Amino acid sequence: MQINITFRHMEPVNPLKNYIEERLQKIKKYLHEPVEAHVVLSTEKFRHIIEVNIMAGNGTTIHGMKSMEDVHAAIDGVVDKIERQIKKQLDKSKHPKRKQLKSP
């Protein structure tokens, strides 16, 4: 998994980078290789905004965004949100809707 991390209006911190990479590895098991993730961390006054865009090898694109005062809670929230989206997509692909035949 290739992870690109961009910091806006804040200093890049290695422990925060490591935490993001560790949390995103949790998602890797659901996606087809190669997986590319782009994470944007920005700060506005007292809020930390985390945006994550994930592009999987099969053409799947997933986007998640979370805004909170605590940066670690925001990261956890956006990773959970993306994990739910991935599971929902996988469930849809396993169980497609069946067309019902109309009786005359």
C-alpha atoms as a PDB file:
ATOM      1  CA  MET A   1       0.000   0.000   0.000  1.00  0.00           C
ATOM      2  CA  GLN A   2       1.413   3.339  -1.047  1.00  0.00           C
ATOM      3  CA  ILE A   3       0.426   6.142   1.324  1.00  0.00           C
ATOM      4  CA  ASN A   4       0.936   9.837   0.518  1.00  0.00           C
ATOM      5  CA  ILE A   5       0.485  12.179   3.475  1.00  0.00           C
ATOM      6  CA  THR A   6       0.071  15.939   3.060  1.00  0.00           C
ATOM      7  CA  PHE A   7       0.134  18.382   5.972  1.00  0.00           C
ATOM      8  CA  ARG A   8      -1.573  21.757   5.573  1.00  0.00           C
ATOM      9  CA  HIS A   9      -1.116  24.525   8.110  1.00  0.00           C
ATOM     10  CA  MET A  10       0.750  22.214  10.483  1.00  0.00           C
ATOM     11  CA  GLU A  11       4.211  20.744  10.886  1.00  0.00           C
ATOM     12  CA  PRO A  12       4.842  17.180   9.655  1.00  0.00           C
ATOM     13  CA  VAL A  13       5.349  14.915  12.653  1.00  0.00           C
ATOM     14  CA  ASN A  14       6.755  11.379  12.318  1.00  0.00           C
ATOM     15  CA  PRO A  15       4.667   9.799  15.128  1.00  0.00           C
ATOM     16  CA  LEU A  16       1.517  11.091  13.430  1.00  0.00           C
ATOM     17  CA  LYS A  17       2.655   9.683  10.061  1.00  0.00           C
ATOM     18  CA  ASN A  18       3.337   6.313  11.688  1.00  0.00           C
ATOM     19  CA  TYR A  19      -0.084   6.328  13.362  1.00  0.00           C
ATOM     20  CA  ILE A  20      -1.832   7.026  10.051  1.00  0.00           C
ATOM     21  CA  GLU A  21       0.093   4.264   8.266  1.00  0.00           C
ATOM     22  CA  GLU A  22      -0.678   1.807  11.058  1.00  0.00           C
ATOM     23  CA  ARG A  23      -4.412   2.591  10.947  1.00  0.00           C
ATOM     24  CA  LEU A  24      -4.594   2.380   7.141  1.00  0.00           C
ATOM     25  CA  GLN A  25      -2.976  -1.070   7.130  1.00  0.00           C
ATOM     26  CA  LYS A  26      -6.223  -2.273   8.726  1.00  0.00           C
ATOM     27  CA  ILE A  27      -8.068  -1.402   5.487  1.00  0.00           C
ATOM     28  CA  LYS A  28      -5.551  -3.044   3.169  1.00  0.00           C
ATOM     29  CA  LYS A  29      -6.943  -6.554   3.698  1.00  0.00           C
ATOM     30  CA  TYR A  30     -10.277  -5.614   2.073  1.00  0.00           C
ATOM     31  CA  LEU A  31      -8.901  -4.121  -1.164  1.00  0.00           C
ATOM     32  CA  HIS A  32      -7.294  -5.456  -4.329  1.00  0.00           C
ATOM     33  CA  GLU A  33      -3.664  -4.583  -4.968  1.00  0.00           C
ATOM     34  CA  PRO A  34      -2.201  -2.115  -5.870  1.00  0.00           C
ATOM     35  CA  VAL A  35      -3.717   0.307  -3.370  1.00  0.00           C
ATOM     36  CA  GLU A  36      -2.850   3.988  -3.266  1.00  0.00           C
ATOM     37  CA  ALA A  37      -3.996   6.228  -0.414  1.00  0.00           C
ATOM     38  CA  HIS A  38      -3.747   9.995  -0.229  1.00  0.00           C
ATOM     39  CA  VAL A  39      -4.216  11.542   3.223  1.00  0.00           C
ATOM     40  CA  VAL A  40      -4.565  15.290   3.809  1.00  0.00           C
ATOM     41  CA  LEU A  41      -4.296  16.651   7.349  1.00  0.00           C
ATOM     42  CA  SER A  42      -5.211  20.295   7.834  1.00  0.00           C
ATOM     43  CA  THR A  43      -5.844  22.583  10.761  1.00  0.00           C
ATOM     44  CA  GLU A  44      -8.363  25.419  11.001  1.00  0.00           C
ATOM     45  CA  LYS A  45      -8.376  27.226  14.333  1.00  0.00           C
ATOM     46  CA  PHE A  46      -9.105  24.402  16.806  1.00  0.00           C
ATOM     47  CA  ARG A  47     -10.308  21.748  14.350  1.00  0.00           C
ATOM     48  CA  HIS A  48      -8.253  19.049  12.664  1.00  0.00           C
ATOM     49  CA  ILE A  49      -9.640  17.972   9.301  1.00  0.00           C
ATOM     50  CA  ILE A  50      -8.614  14.600   7.901  1.00  0.00           C
ATOM     51  CA  GLU A  51      -9.396  13.659   4.294  1.00  0.00           C
ATOM     52  CA  VAL A  52      -8.572  10.227   2.876  1.00  0.00           C
ATOM     53  CA  ASN A  53      -8.843   9.160  -0.774  1.00  0.00           C
ATOM     54  CA  ILE A  54      -8.178   5.504  -1.545  1.00  0.00           C
ATOM     55  CA  MET A  55      -7.802   4.118  -5.050  1.00  0.00           C
ATOM     56  CA  ALA A  56      -7.716   0.333  -5.397  1.00  0.00           C
ATOM     57  CA  GLY A  57      -6.368  -1.681  -8.289  1.00  0.00           C
ATOM     58  CA  ASN A  58      -9.822  -2.672  -9.542  1.00  0.00           C
ATOM     59  CA  GLY A  59     -10.863   0.969 -10.098  1.00  0.00           C
ATOM     60  CA  THR A  60     -12.630   1.448  -6.761  1.00  0.00           C
ATOM     61  CA  THR A  61     -12.295   4.957  -5.303  1.00  0.00           C
ATOM     62  CA  ILE A  62     -13.299   5.677  -1.720  1.00  0.00           C
ATOM     63  CA  HIS A  63     -13.363   9.065  -0.013  1.00  0.00           C
ATOM     64  CA  GLY A  64     -13.737   9.867   3.664  1.00  0.00           C
ATOM     65  CA  MET A  65     -13.530  13.079   5.678  1.00  0.00           C
ATOM     66  CA  LYS A  66     -13.689  13.774   9.399  1.00  0.00           C
ATOM     67  CA  SER A  67     -13.305  16.967  11.427  1.00  0.00           C
ATOM     68  CA  MET A  68     -12.640  16.967  15.195  1.00  0.00           C
ATOM     69  CA  GLU A  69     -10.617  18.775  17.831  1.00  0.00           C
ATOM     70  CA  ASP A  70      -8.434  15.723  18.566  1.00  0.00           C
ATOM     71  CA  VAL A  71      -6.320  14.637  15.586  1.00  0.00           C
ATOM     72  CA  HIS A  72      -6.077  10.990  16.704  1.00  0.00           C
ATOM     73  CA  ALA A  73      -9.845  10.727  17.155  1.00  0.00           C
ATOM     74  CA  ALA A  74     -10.345  12.251  13.700  1.00  0.00           C
ATOM     75  CA  ILE A  75      -7.979   9.690  12.145  1.00  0.00           C
ATOM     76  CA  ASP A  76      -9.769   6.835  13.906  1.00  0.00           C
ATOM     77  CA  GLY A  77     -13.143   8.188  12.799  1.00  0.00           C
ATOM     78  CA  VAL A  78     -12.225   8.527   9.139  1.00  0.00           C
ATOM     79  CA  VAL A  79     -10.631   5.053   9.037  1.00  0.00           C
ATOM     80  CA  ASP A  80     -13.782   3.545  10.567  1.00  0.00           C
ATOM     81  CA  LYS A  81     -15.916   5.448   8.047  1.00  0.00           C
ATOM     82  CA  ILE A  82     -13.857   4.166   5.118  1.00  0.00           C
ATOM     83  CA  GLU A  83     -13.901   0.616   6.466  1.00  0.00           C
ATOM     84  CA  ARG A  84     -17.718   0.731   6.609  1.00  0.00           C
ATOM     85  CA  GLN A  85     -17.844   1.998   3.003  1.00  0.00           C
ATOM     86  CA  ILE A  86     -15.574  -0.799   1.807  1.00  0.00           C
ATOM     87  CA  LYS A  87     -17.580  -3.477   3.624  1.00  0.00           C
ATOM     88  CA  LYS A  88     -20.802  -2.074   2.156  1.00  0.00           C
ATOM     89  CA  GLN A  89     -19.360  -2.185  -1.376  1.00  0.00           C
ATOM     90  CA  LEU A  90     -18.110  -5.737  -0.878  1.00  0.00           C
ATOM     91  CA  ASP A  91     -21.515  -6.820   0.416  1.00  0.00           C
ATOM     92  CA  LYS A  92     -23.241  -5.248  -2.595  1.00  0.00           C
ATOM     93  CA  SER A  93     -20.954  -7.045  -5.017  1.00  0.00           C
ATOM     94  CA  LYS A  94     -21.532 -10.411  -3.310  1.00  0.00           C
ATOM     95  CA  HIS A  95     -25.318 -10.062  -3.179  1.00  0.00           C
ATOM     96  CA  PRO A  96     -26.604  -8.130  -6.195  1.00  0.00           C
ATOM     97  CA  LYS A  97     -30.262  -7.234  -6.347  1.00  0.00           C
ATOM     98  CA  ARG A  98     -32.313  -9.713  -8.294  1.00  0.00           C
ATOM     99  CA  LYS A  99     -34.875  -8.449 -10.723  1.00  0.00           C
ATOM    100  CA  GLN A 100     -38.347  -9.632  -9.869  1.00  0.00           C
ATOM    101  CA  LEU A 101     -40.492 -10.863 -12.703  1.00  0.00           C
ATOM    102  CA  LYS A 102     -43.871  -9.213 -12.948  1.00  0.00           C
ATOM    103  CA  SER A 103     -46.788 -11.583 -13.228  1.00  0.00           C
ATOM    104  CA  PRO A 104     -49.548 -10.742 -15.761  1.00  0.00           C
END
